[in-house]
Amino acid sequence: MLDKTAIEANEAAKKVNWGRLDTQIDYYGKAITLPDDPTKMPLNSAIEALQRLQQQEMQEVRVHEVIDAYPLDAAVAFVKACKNLYGWAAPVTEVVKTFFGTQKNPPQIISVKTGHRDEDVVQCPIGDFKLPGVESTVKAIIGDYGKKDAKAFLIHALVRQKEKHILLELANETRRIVKEESIYRGKAIRLSVDYNGELDLSDPPTFLDVSQQNPLVFDDNIQRQIDDYIIVPLTKVNHCRRHGVSAQRKALLEGPFGTGKSEIMRHLAAICEQNGVTFILLDKIQGLKSALEFGVRYAPALVSGEDIDRITEVRDEEANDLVNTIDGVVSKTSKVMTVLTTNHVEKINQVMLRPGRLDVIISLRPPTDEAVKRLLMVFAGDLLSADADVSGAAKELSGQIPASIKECVERAKLSMIGRGDTKINDNDLVLAAQTMKNHLALLNREVAKETPAERLAKSLSEVVGNGSGDMLKSIKRIAEDTHETLDNYVNN
């Protein structure tokens, strides 16, 4: 017999629609505890709630996790995550039913480079996996995502509600590994893009060997600009932040071919690796947007691109897109520096050169005497005595590009070998410098070029045959007038 209090509680419970209340299950202790708010839950309501929750847990749902990283980096991280959580990665063969019967798709094994050495390779399975606690198979693949032709690493499966947390745990562990143990973050890599400027997955990033570096040698003023405006923001990040200097710097190295732009890039690659900054060298400047997006993912980063004039000479749609890329892809708070180069600064549209688009333009020029002396010492190494007098050679080579100076040292080595010596002397270098000057003079000699009007006159004279001198002069004058008229028509 129920007492009066219990009867009143049962009557009150009947008035509460427990089927409409969100009842949670907590696992604690060894007793089954039922809610008593707003009233005590009757046993039959508890049973119905448990049955609803059971049905909900058995409900199938599609789980789709995207790993925001370069797909190969994510593939390596996924395998590591499986091993961290379960002790192994367990790929399985997918069985697909088709009109012609069942078809078996075994897991694919891909080799991923993790460094510049030949042995720096890991093998990663992608395809179907079996996970502990998940009844169905889980797909981990590189697939289409977002914009056209974009690829991403995807983890997806049709699982029961009660299993979805397992996939979330695996995805989050993969993301953690990408962030903390990425194969690309803090490394120097060359990034390949296709002719549309998109990342080319068929040509994965390659790692640069930065272990062997010559010191940078420039005239003092140029060296100071490189140190202050590029290297300082890379190596003194906290000091720059303290003084309000943004890490999102944009620099342009401009100068004739052979003045050291590529050497600076190699030097920056080494500095980046030493300071945990991802160095990204583009193989095509058309991929600058993709490289900047890659840099944002793997920041702090430095993105470098050569021959920027190839897409900025004309203010067309492509040049506009580049301007918007530099202004928009990397925010002011992003830790991504951009260093671009050009051999033809005069071809770059002026809108690209104004402050705000580019923070600094460093003009590189062939070295003068003092810088030439230092270059000779660097290229000759221990074949040149530390106290050697190379002033004669330096005077001869002043204004020559470093590549020419290096070749002079190679020629001087041959002179040294020829006389059976073990050291290069100034006479060897002077002789090499003089032959180099003659070499370059032949290379750079002015060749008389036929004008368009002269070509037209020649063609007309060939049509009418060999005429008198007066006729040929008249034809040339007609050709010049015609050429001038066509020029005016085109320009106006």
Protein backbone atom coordinates (compact mmCIF):
# COMPACT_ATOMS: atom_id res chain seq x y z
CA MET A 1 0.00 0.00 0.00
CA LEU A 2 1.41 3.33 -1.06
CA ASP A 3 1.33 6.09 1.50
CA LYS A 4 -0.31 9.41 0.78
CA THR A 5 2.98 11.13 -0.21
CA ALA A 6 3.88 8.45 -2.76
CA ILE A 7 0.38 8.55 -4.26
CA GLU A 8 0.59 12.35 -4.65
CA ALA A 9 4.04 12.03 -6.30
CA ASN A 10 2.73 9.45 -8.79
CA GLU A 11 -0.24 11.64 -9.63
CA ALA A 12 2.07 14.64 -10.17
CA ALA A 13 4.40 12.58 -12.36
CA LYS A 14 1.48 11.58 -14.57
CA LYS A 15 0.89 15.26 -15.28
CA VAL A 16 4.49 15.69 -16.55
CA ASN A 17 5.02 14.55 -20.15
CA TRP A 18 8.40 12.86 -19.74
CA GLY A 19 8.32 11.88 -23.40
CA ARG A 20 8.81 15.52 -24.32
CA LEU A 21 11.67 16.18 -21.91
CA ASP A 22 15.34 15.80 -22.87
CA THR A 23 16.61 13.12 -20.51
CA GLN A 24 20.35 12.60 -20.32
CA ILE A 25 22.19 9.50 -19.17
CA ASP A 26 25.14 9.78 -16.83
CA TYR A 27 27.21 6.73 -15.91
CA TYR A 28 28.21 6.91 -12.25
CA GLY A 29 28.52 4.39 -9.46
CA LYS A 30 26.52 1.14 -9.37
CA ALA A 31 22.96 2.39 -8.92
CA ILE A 32 20.40 3.43 -11.55
CA THR A 33 19.37 6.96 -10.67
CA LEU A 34 16.24 8.55 -12.15
CA PRO A 35 15.50 12.28 -12.36
CA ASP A 36 13.17 13.89 -9.79
CA ASP A 37 12.86 17.34 -11.37
CA PRO A 38 10.24 18.66 -11.94
CA THR A 39 8.82 15.49 -10.38
CA LYS A 40 10.00 11.95 -9.87
CA MET A 41 10.16 10.00 -13.14
CA PRO A 42 7.96 6.86 -13.16
CA LEU A 43 9.65 3.59 -14.12
CA ASN A 44 7.63 3.21 -17.32
CA SER A 45 8.72 6.71 -18.45
CA ALA A 46 12.32 5.82 -17.66
CA ILE A 47 12.05 2.64 -19.73
CA GLU A 48 10.59 4.59 -22.66
CA ALA A 49 13.36 7.21 -22.41
CA LEU A 50 16.05 4.52 -22.43
CA GLN A 51 14.46 2.91 -25.49
CA ARG A 52 14.39 6.29 -27.29
CA LEU A 53 18.05 6.90 -26.48
CA GLN A 54 18.93 3.40 -27.62
CA GLN A 55 17.21 4.00 -30.97
CA GLN A 56 18.97 7.34 -31.28
CA GLU A 57 22.38 5.79 -30.64
CA MET A 58 21.71 3.15 -33.30
CA GLN A 59 20.63 5.78 -35.85
CA GLU A 60 23.07 5.90 -38.79
CA VAL A 61 24.67 9.27 -39.58
CA ARG A 62 27.26 10.40 -42.10
CA VAL A 63 30.40 11.84 -40.54
CA HIS A 64 32.59 13.99 -42.78
CA GLU A 65 35.83 15.45 -41.37
CA VAL A 66 38.14 17.67 -43.45
CA ILE A 67 41.77 18.06 -42.37
CA ASP A 68 42.93 21.60 -43.22
CA ALA A 69 46.44 20.78 -44.42
CA TYR A 70 48.30 19.82 -47.56
CA PRO A 71 46.82 16.36 -48.33
CA LEU A 72 50.10 14.42 -48.13
CA ASP A 73 50.95 16.06 -44.81
CA ALA A 74 47.50 15.08 -43.51
CA ALA A 75 47.94 11.50 -44.77
CA VAL A 76 51.14 11.12 -42.73
CA ALA A 77 49.43 12.68 -39.71
CA PHE A 78 46.42 10.34 -40.05
CA VAL A 79 48.60 7.21 -39.92
CA LYS A 80 50.43 8.62 -36.87
CA ALA A 81 47.07 9.39 -35.21
CA CYS A 82 45.89 5.80 -35.75
CA LYS A 83 49.06 4.46 -34.18
CA ASN A 84 48.84 6.89 -31.26
CA LEU A 85 45.21 5.99 -30.48
CA TYR A 86 45.04 2.30 -31.38
CA GLY A 87 48.63 1.11 -31.69
CA TRP A 88 48.34 0.47 -35.43
CA ALA A 89 46.73 1.65 -38.67
CA ALA A 90 44.45 -1.06 -40.08
CA PRO A 91 43.63 -0.56 -43.79
CA VAL A 92 41.25 -3.11 -45.33
CA THR A 93 40.15 -4.09 -48.82
CA GLU A 94 36.98 -2.38 -49.99
CA VAL A 95 34.36 -4.67 -51.55
CA VAL A 96 32.06 -2.94 -54.04
CA LYS A 97 29.02 -4.55 -55.60
CA THR A 98 28.64 -3.74 -59.29
CA PHE A 99 26.40 -4.91 -62.13
CA PHE A 100 29.11 -7.43 -63.05
CA GLY A 101 29.53 -8.75 -59.52
CA THR A 102 31.71 -7.78 -56.60
CA GLN A 103 34.89 -5.81 -57.09
CA LYS A 104 37.75 -5.59 -54.60
CA ASN A 105 39.65 -2.34 -54.12
CA PRO A 106 42.71 -2.90 -51.93
CA PRO A 107 44.14 0.03 -49.95
CA GLN A 108 46.59 2.25 -51.79
CA ILE A 109 50.08 2.81 -50.39
CA ILE A 110 51.62 6.19 -51.21
CA SER A 111 55.22 7.22 -50.58
CA VAL A 112 55.63 10.69 -49.09
CA LYS A 113 58.91 12.58 -48.92
CA THR A 114 59.69 14.01 -45.48
CA GLY A 115 63.13 15.53 -46.15
CA HIS A 116 65.74 16.22 -48.84
CA ARG A 117 67.69 12.95 -48.41
CA ASP A 118 66.83 9.89 -50.49
CA GLU A 119 65.98 7.89 -47.37
CA ASP A 120 63.55 10.53 -46.05
CA VAL A 121 60.40 8.71 -47.19
CA VAL A 122 57.41 7.25 -45.36
CA GLN A 123 54.71 4.97 -46.76
CA CYS A 124 51.10 5.84 -45.96
CA PRO A 125 48.02 3.71 -46.66
CA ILE A 126 44.88 5.51 -47.84
CA GLY A 127 41.48 3.98 -48.52
CA ASP A 128 39.25 1.96 -46.17
CA PHE A 129 40.13 1.41 -42.49
CA LYS A 130 38.71 -0.55 -39.58
CA LEU A 131 38.67 1.26 -36.25
CA PRO A 132 38.08 -0.23 -32.80
CA GLY A 133 34.53 0.50 -31.67
CA VAL A 134 33.24 1.32 -35.17
CA GLU A 135 31.19 -1.34 -36.91
CA SER A 136 31.47 -0.04 -40.49
CA THR A 137 34.61 0.82 -42.45
CA VAL A 138 36.01 4.36 -42.42
CA LYS A 139 37.35 6.03 -45.56
CA ALA A 140 40.47 8.18 -45.34
CA ILE A 141 41.22 9.56 -48.80
CA ILE A 142 42.51 12.51 -50.79
CA GLY A 143 39.45 13.88 -52.54
CA ASP A 144 37.77 16.92 -54.06
CA TYR A 145 36.84 19.66 -51.66
CA GLY A 146 35.56 23.21 -51.97
CA LYS A 147 36.54 25.12 -55.08
CA LYS A 148 37.04 23.43 -58.43
CA ASP A 149 40.01 21.06 -58.59
CA ALA A 150 40.90 21.67 -54.91
CA LYS A 151 42.01 18.59 -52.99
CA ALA A 152 41.90 17.83 -49.28
CA PHE A 153 42.37 14.90 -46.93
CA LEU A 154 38.94 13.58 -45.96
CA ILE A 155 37.81 11.20 -43.21
CA HIS A 156 34.23 10.05 -43.68
CA ALA A 157 31.98 7.11 -42.90
CA LEU A 158 28.39 5.99 -42.34
CA VAL A 159 28.36 5.17 -38.62
CA ARG A 160 25.95 4.91 -35.72
CA GLN A 161 25.38 7.92 -33.48
CA LYS A 162 27.13 6.20 -30.60
CA GLU A 163 30.28 5.77 -32.74
CA LYS A 164 30.68 9.26 -34.17
CA HIS A 165 32.78 10.51 -31.25
CA ILE A 166 35.48 7.98 -32.23
CA LEU A 167 35.88 9.61 -35.63
CA LEU A 168 35.95 13.07 -34.08
CA GLU A 169 38.70 11.96 -31.71
CA LEU A 170 40.71 10.53 -34.62
CA ALA A 171 40.23 13.68 -36.72
CA ASN A 172 41.26 15.95 -33.85
CA GLU A 173 44.39 13.88 -33.18
CA THR A 174 45.24 14.12 -36.90
CA ARG A 175 44.82 17.91 -36.73
CA ARG A 176 47.03 18.11 -33.66
CA ILE A 177 49.80 16.16 -35.39
CA VAL A 178 49.56 18.39 -38.48
CA LYS A 179 49.94 21.43 -36.24
CA GLU A 180 52.73 20.13 -34.00
CA GLU A 181 54.55 17.49 -36.08
CA SER A 182 53.95 18.54 -39.69
CA ILE A 183 56.43 17.28 -42.27
CA TYR A 184 56.44 20.75 -43.90
CA ARG A 185 56.17 23.26 -41.07
CA GLY A 186 59.49 24.95 -40.39
CA LYS A 187 61.15 23.33 -43.43
CA ALA A 188 62.47 24.80 -46.70
CA ILE A 189 60.44 23.47 -49.64
CA ARG A 190 59.88 24.10 -53.32
CA LEU A 191 56.18 24.23 -54.20
CA SER A 192 54.91 23.14 -57.61
CA VAL A 193 51.82 24.62 -59.22
CA ASP A 194 50.13 23.99 -62.56
CA TYR A 195 49.68 26.59 -65.28
CA ASN A 196 46.45 27.75 -63.65
CA GLY A 197 48.36 28.54 -60.48
CA GLU A 198 46.83 25.67 -58.46
CA LEU A 199 48.82 23.26 -56.31
CA ASP A 200 49.97 20.31 -58.41
CA LEU A 201 49.41 17.14 -56.35
CA SER A 202 51.11 15.06 -59.02
CA ASP A 203 54.32 16.95 -58.22
CA PRO A 204 54.50 17.13 -54.40
CA PRO A 205 56.63 19.69 -52.54
CA THR A 206 60.33 18.96 -52.60
CA PHE A 207 62.65 19.68 -49.69
CA LEU A 208 65.63 21.98 -50.19
CA ASP A 209 69.04 21.08 -48.85
CA VAL A 210 70.20 24.18 -46.99
CA SER A 211 73.11 22.57 -45.16
CA GLN A 212 75.79 24.11 -47.40
CA GLN A 213 75.67 27.90 -47.61
CA ASN A 214 78.15 30.56 -48.74
CA PRO A 215 78.02 33.80 -46.77
CA LEU A 216 76.18 36.67 -48.45
CA VAL A 217 78.60 39.21 -49.90
CA PHE A 218 77.31 42.59 -51.11
CA ASP A 219 78.36 46.18 -50.86
CA ASP A 220 77.79 47.45 -47.34
CA ASN A 221 74.68 49.50 -48.14
CA ILE A 222 72.94 46.61 -49.88
CA GLN A 223 74.00 44.15 -47.16
CA ARG A 224 72.52 46.46 -44.51
CA GLN A 225 69.17 46.61 -46.32
CA ILE A 226 69.01 42.81 -46.61
CA ASP A 227 69.88 42.38 -42.92
CA ASP A 228 67.54 45.08 -41.59
CA TYR A 229 64.50 44.75 -43.84
CA ILE A 230 64.33 40.98 -44.40
CA ILE A 231 66.47 39.02 -41.94
CA VAL A 232 65.58 41.04 -38.81
CA PRO A 233 61.80 40.35 -39.13
CA LEU A 234 62.60 36.63 -39.48
CA THR A 235 64.97 36.33 -36.55
CA LYS A 236 63.75 38.96 -34.07
CA VAL A 237 60.02 38.31 -34.15
CA ASN A 238 59.32 39.25 -30.53
CA HIS A 239 61.25 42.50 -30.77
CA CYS A 240 59.36 43.44 -33.94
CA ARG A 241 56.02 42.62 -32.32
CA ARG A 242 56.94 44.70 -29.26
CA HIS A 243 57.55 47.72 -31.49
CA GLY A 244 54.44 47.17 -33.63
CA VAL A 245 56.25 45.92 -36.75
CA SER A 246 54.03 43.48 -38.64
CA ALA A 247 55.40 40.05 -39.53
CA GLN A 248 53.45 40.32 -42.78
CA ARG A 249 56.22 42.09 -44.73
CA LYS A 250 56.49 42.28 -48.53
CA ALA A 251 59.87 42.86 -50.19
CA LEU A 252 61.06 43.06 -53.81
CA LEU A 253 64.63 42.27 -54.85
CA GLU A 254 65.33 43.96 -58.17
CA GLY A 255 68.45 44.08 -60.28
CA PRO A 256 70.13 42.72 -63.42
CA PHE A 257 70.59 39.01 -63.94
CA GLY A 258 73.35 37.49 -61.80
CA THR A 259 73.47 40.12 -59.04
CA GLY A 260 72.68 37.64 -56.26
CA LYS A 261 68.89 37.36 -55.97
CA SER A 262 68.88 33.56 -56.04
CA GLU A 263 71.79 33.46 -53.58
CA ILE A 264 69.76 35.60 -51.17
CA MET A 265 66.84 33.18 -51.49
CA ARG A 266 69.06 30.20 -50.63
CA HIS A 267 70.41 32.11 -47.65
CA LEU A 268 66.90 32.99 -46.47
CA ALA A 269 65.87 29.33 -46.77
CA ALA A 270 68.62 28.36 -44.32
CA ILE A 271 67.73 31.17 -41.91
CA CYS A 272 64.06 30.14 -42.01
CA GLU A 273 64.85 26.53 -41.09
CA GLN A 274 67.11 27.67 -38.26
CA ASN A 275 64.28 29.79 -36.83
CA GLY A 276 61.33 27.42 -37.35
CA VAL A 277 59.89 29.40 -40.29
CA THR A 278 58.44 27.57 -43.29
CA PHE A 279 60.29 28.65 -46.45
CA ILE A 280 58.27 28.25 -49.66
CA LEU A 281 59.96 28.68 -53.05
CA LEU A 282 57.55 28.85 -55.99
CA ASP A 283 58.39 27.17 -59.26
CA LYS A 284 55.98 29.47 -61.17
CA ILE A 285 55.04 32.97 -60.08
CA GLN A 286 51.49 32.36 -61.35
CA GLY A 287 50.96 30.24 -58.22
CA LEU A 288 51.59 33.08 -55.75
CA LYS A 289 48.03 32.94 -54.41
CA SER A 290 48.24 29.18 -53.76
CA ALA A 291 51.64 29.62 -52.14
CA LEU A 292 50.37 32.38 -49.84
CA GLU A 293 47.41 30.22 -48.82
CA PHE A 294 49.87 27.39 -48.13
CA GLY A 295 51.97 29.83 -46.10
CA VAL A 296 48.99 30.88 -43.98
CA ARG A 297 48.38 27.21 -43.11
CA TYR A 298 52.03 26.67 -42.16
CA ALA A 299 52.85 30.05 -40.63
CA PRO A 300 55.18 31.51 -39.64
CA ALA A 301 56.28 31.34 -43.26
CA LEU A 302 58.20 33.12 -45.99
CA VAL A 303 56.88 32.84 -49.55
CA SER A 304 59.36 33.59 -52.35
CA GLY A 305 58.65 33.99 -56.04
CA GLU A 306 60.96 34.86 -58.92
CA ASP A 307 60.40 36.99 -62.03
CA ILE A 308 57.30 38.79 -60.77
CA ASP A 309 57.41 41.02 -63.88
CA ARG A 310 56.05 38.12 -65.95
CA ILE A 311 52.51 38.76 -64.71
CA THR A 312 52.57 42.43 -63.69
CA GLU A 313 53.79 44.17 -66.83
CA VAL A 314 50.28 44.78 -68.10
CA ARG A 315 47.41 45.86 -65.85
CA ASP A 316 45.15 43.06 -67.01
CA GLU A 317 42.92 40.63 -65.12
CA GLU A 318 45.87 38.47 -64.04
CA ALA A 319 47.83 41.45 -62.72
CA ASN A 320 44.74 42.72 -60.90
CA ASP A 321 44.30 39.30 -59.33
CA LEU A 322 47.90 39.38 -58.11
CA VAL A 323 47.40 42.80 -56.54
CA ASN A 324 44.28 41.55 -54.77
CA THR A 325 46.18 38.44 -53.69
CA ILE A 326 48.94 40.39 -51.96
CA ASP A 327 46.39 42.74 -50.39
CA GLY A 328 43.82 40.16 -49.38
CA VAL A 329 45.04 36.59 -48.93
CA VAL A 330 47.46 37.41 -46.11
CA SER A 331 45.92 39.54 -43.38
CA LYS A 332 47.88 42.13 -41.44
CA THR A 333 48.01 39.75 -38.47
CA SER A 334 49.25 36.75 -40.46
CA LYS A 335 52.83 35.69 -39.90
CA VAL A 336 53.66 35.37 -43.59
CA MET A 337 56.43 37.32 -45.30
CA THR A 338 56.62 37.64 -49.09
CA VAL A 339 59.90 38.15 -50.97
CA LEU A 340 59.67 38.59 -54.75
CA THR A 341 62.38 39.11 -57.37
CA THR A 342 62.66 40.65 -60.83
CA ASN A 343 65.35 41.27 -63.43
CA HIS A 344 63.19 43.92 -65.09
CA VAL A 345 61.69 46.31 -62.56
CA GLU A 346 60.86 48.72 -65.39
CA LYS A 347 58.28 46.23 -66.67
CA ILE A 348 56.34 46.09 -63.41
CA ASN A 349 53.13 48.08 -63.32
CA GLN A 350 53.57 51.05 -61.00
CA VAL A 351 50.51 50.11 -58.94
CA MET A 352 52.52 47.13 -57.69
CA LEU A 353 55.45 49.28 -56.56
CA ARG A 354 53.72 51.70 -54.24
CA PRO A 355 54.16 51.36 -50.45
CA GLY A 356 51.41 49.19 -48.99
CA ARG A 357 51.70 46.72 -51.82
CA LEU A 358 55.45 46.37 -51.27
CA ASP A 359 57.04 47.45 -48.00
CA VAL A 360 60.58 47.67 -49.36
CA ILE A 361 62.38 47.47 -52.71
CA ILE A 362 66.05 46.48 -52.50
CA SER A 363 68.06 47.30 -55.61
CA LEU A 364 70.91 44.84 -56.21
CA ARG A 365 73.85 45.95 -58.31
CA PRO A 366 77.16 44.35 -59.30
CA PRO A 367 79.74 44.61 -56.48
CA THR A 368 82.42 47.31 -56.24
CA ASP A 369 86.07 46.70 -55.31
CA GLU A 370 85.68 45.88 -51.60
CA ALA A 371 82.81 43.46 -52.15
CA VAL A 372 84.73 41.85 -55.03
CA LYS A 373 87.68 41.18 -52.67
CA ARG A 374 85.38 39.41 -50.21
CA LEU A 375 83.80 37.39 -53.03
CA LEU A 376 87.22 36.27 -54.26
CA MET A 377 88.04 35.07 -50.75
CA VAL A 378 84.73 33.17 -50.49
CA PHE A 379 85.01 31.47 -53.89
CA ALA A 380 88.71 30.61 -53.54
CA GLY A 381 88.45 29.32 -49.96
CA ASP A 382 91.73 28.01 -48.57
CA LEU A 383 93.38 28.24 -52.01
CA LEU A 384 93.85 31.95 -51.35
CA SER A 385 95.89 33.12 -48.36
CA ALA A 386 94.01 35.25 -45.85
CA ASP A 387 96.55 38.07 -46.31
CA ALA A 388 96.73 37.75 -50.11
CA ASP A 389 96.73 41.01 -52.05
CA VAL A 390 93.93 40.76 -54.60
CA SER A 391 93.53 44.48 -55.23
CA GLY A 392 94.63 44.16 -58.86
CA ALA A 393 92.04 41.51 -59.62
CA ALA A 394 89.37 43.39 -57.63
CA LYS A 395 89.96 46.49 -59.73
CA GLU A 396 89.64 44.49 -62.94
CA LEU A 397 86.47 42.74 -61.72
CA SER A 398 84.74 45.74 -60.15
CA GLY A 399 81.19 45.91 -61.49
CA GLN A 400 81.12 42.28 -62.64
CA ILE A 401 78.34 40.00 -61.44
CA PRO A 402 79.20 37.30 -58.83
CA ALA A 403 78.80 34.52 -61.41
CA SER A 404 81.58 36.08 -63.51
CA ILE A 405 83.79 36.50 -60.43
CA LYS A 406 83.29 32.85 -59.54
CA GLU A 407 84.29 31.80 -63.05
CA CYS A 408 87.45 33.92 -62.76
CA VAL A 409 88.38 31.98 -59.63
CA GLU A 410 87.85 28.71 -61.53
CA ARG A 411 90.19 29.94 -64.30
CA ALA A 412 92.74 31.05 -61.70
CA LYS A 413 92.71 27.53 -60.25
CA LEU A 414 93.75 26.20 -63.67
CA SER A 415 96.69 28.65 -63.72
CA MET A 416 97.66 27.49 -60.23
CA ILE A 417 97.52 23.83 -61.28
CA GLY A 418 99.47 24.59 -64.45
CA ARG A 419 102.47 25.95 -62.59
CA GLY A 420 102.31 23.22 -59.94
CA ASP A 421 101.39 25.50 -57.06
CA THR A 422 98.95 25.02 -54.17
CA LYS A 423 97.82 28.64 -53.85
CA ILE A 424 96.14 31.11 -56.16
CA ASN A 425 97.89 34.47 -56.51
CA ASP A 426 96.80 37.89 -57.71
CA ASN A 427 98.43 37.40 -61.12
CA ASP A 428 96.28 34.31 -61.70
CA LEU A 429 93.19 36.30 -60.84
CA VAL A 430 94.19 39.34 -62.93
CA LEU A 431 94.77 37.17 -66.00
CA ALA A 432 91.41 35.47 -65.48
CA ALA A 433 89.71 38.84 -64.99
CA GLN A 434 91.16 40.22 -68.20
CA THR A 435 90.03 37.21 -70.22
CA MET A 436 86.60 37.52 -68.61
CA LYS A 437 86.37 41.19 -69.63
CA ASN A 438 87.18 40.26 -73.23
CA HIS A 439 84.64 37.43 -73.05
CA LEU A 440 81.91 39.77 -71.80
CA ALA A 441 82.82 42.48 -74.30
CA LEU A 442 82.14 40.04 -77.14
CA LEU A 443 78.93 38.96 -75.48
CA ASN A 444 77.66 42.52 -74.98
CA ARG A 445 78.84 44.09 -78.24
CA GLU A 446 76.32 46.19 -80.05
CA VAL A 447 74.91 44.49 -83.12
CA ALA A 448 73.46 46.79 -85.74
CA LYS A 449 69.78 46.01 -86.02
CA GLU A 450 67.72 46.51 -89.14
CA THR A 451 64.82 48.90 -88.52
CA PRO A 452 61.26 47.91 -89.47
CA ALA A 453 61.30 50.58 -92.20
CA GLU A 454 64.53 49.16 -93.63
CA ARG A 455 63.04 45.67 -93.66
CA LEU A 456 59.94 46.96 -95.49
CA ALA A 457 62.09 48.85 -98.02
CA LYS A 458 64.16 45.75 -98.64
CA SER A 459 61.04 43.70 -99.24
CA LEU A 460 59.60 46.26 -101.66
CA SER A 461 62.87 46.47 -103.57
CA GLU A 462 62.93 42.71 -103.92
CA VAL A 463 59.39 42.83 -105.35
CA VAL A 464 60.13 45.50 -108.00
CA GLY A 465 63.61 44.16 -108.79
CA ASN A 466 66.97 45.89 -108.66
CA GLY A 467 66.29 49.52 -109.46
CA SER A 468 68.38 52.65 -109.53
CA GLY A 469 69.72 54.31 -106.40
CA ASP A 470 67.04 57.01 -106.62
CA MET A 471 64.31 54.38 -106.84
CA LEU A 472 65.63 52.56 -103.77
CA LYS A 473 65.80 55.82 -101.83
CA SER A 474 62.19 56.56 -102.78
CA ILE A 475 61.10 53.08 -101.72
CA LYS A 476 62.87 53.51 -98.37
CA ARG A 477 61.20 56.88 -97.85
CA ILE A 478 57.79 55.36 -98.64
CA ALA A 479 58.52 52.52 -96.22
CA GLU A 480 59.46 54.94 -93.44
CA ASP A 481 56.30 56.97 -94.02
CA THR A 482 54.21 53.79 -94.05
CA HIS A 483 55.83 52.55 -90.86
CA GLU A 484 55.25 55.91 -89.13
CA THR A 485 51.60 55.94 -90.26
CA LEU A 486 51.04 52.41 -88.93
CA ASP A 487 52.67 53.36 -85.62
CA ASN A 488 50.39 56.35 -85.22
CA TYR A 489 47.35 54.23 -86.09
CA VAL A 490 48.22 51.55 -83.54
CA ASN A 491 49.08 54.00 -80.76
CA ASN A 492 46.02 56.17 -81.27
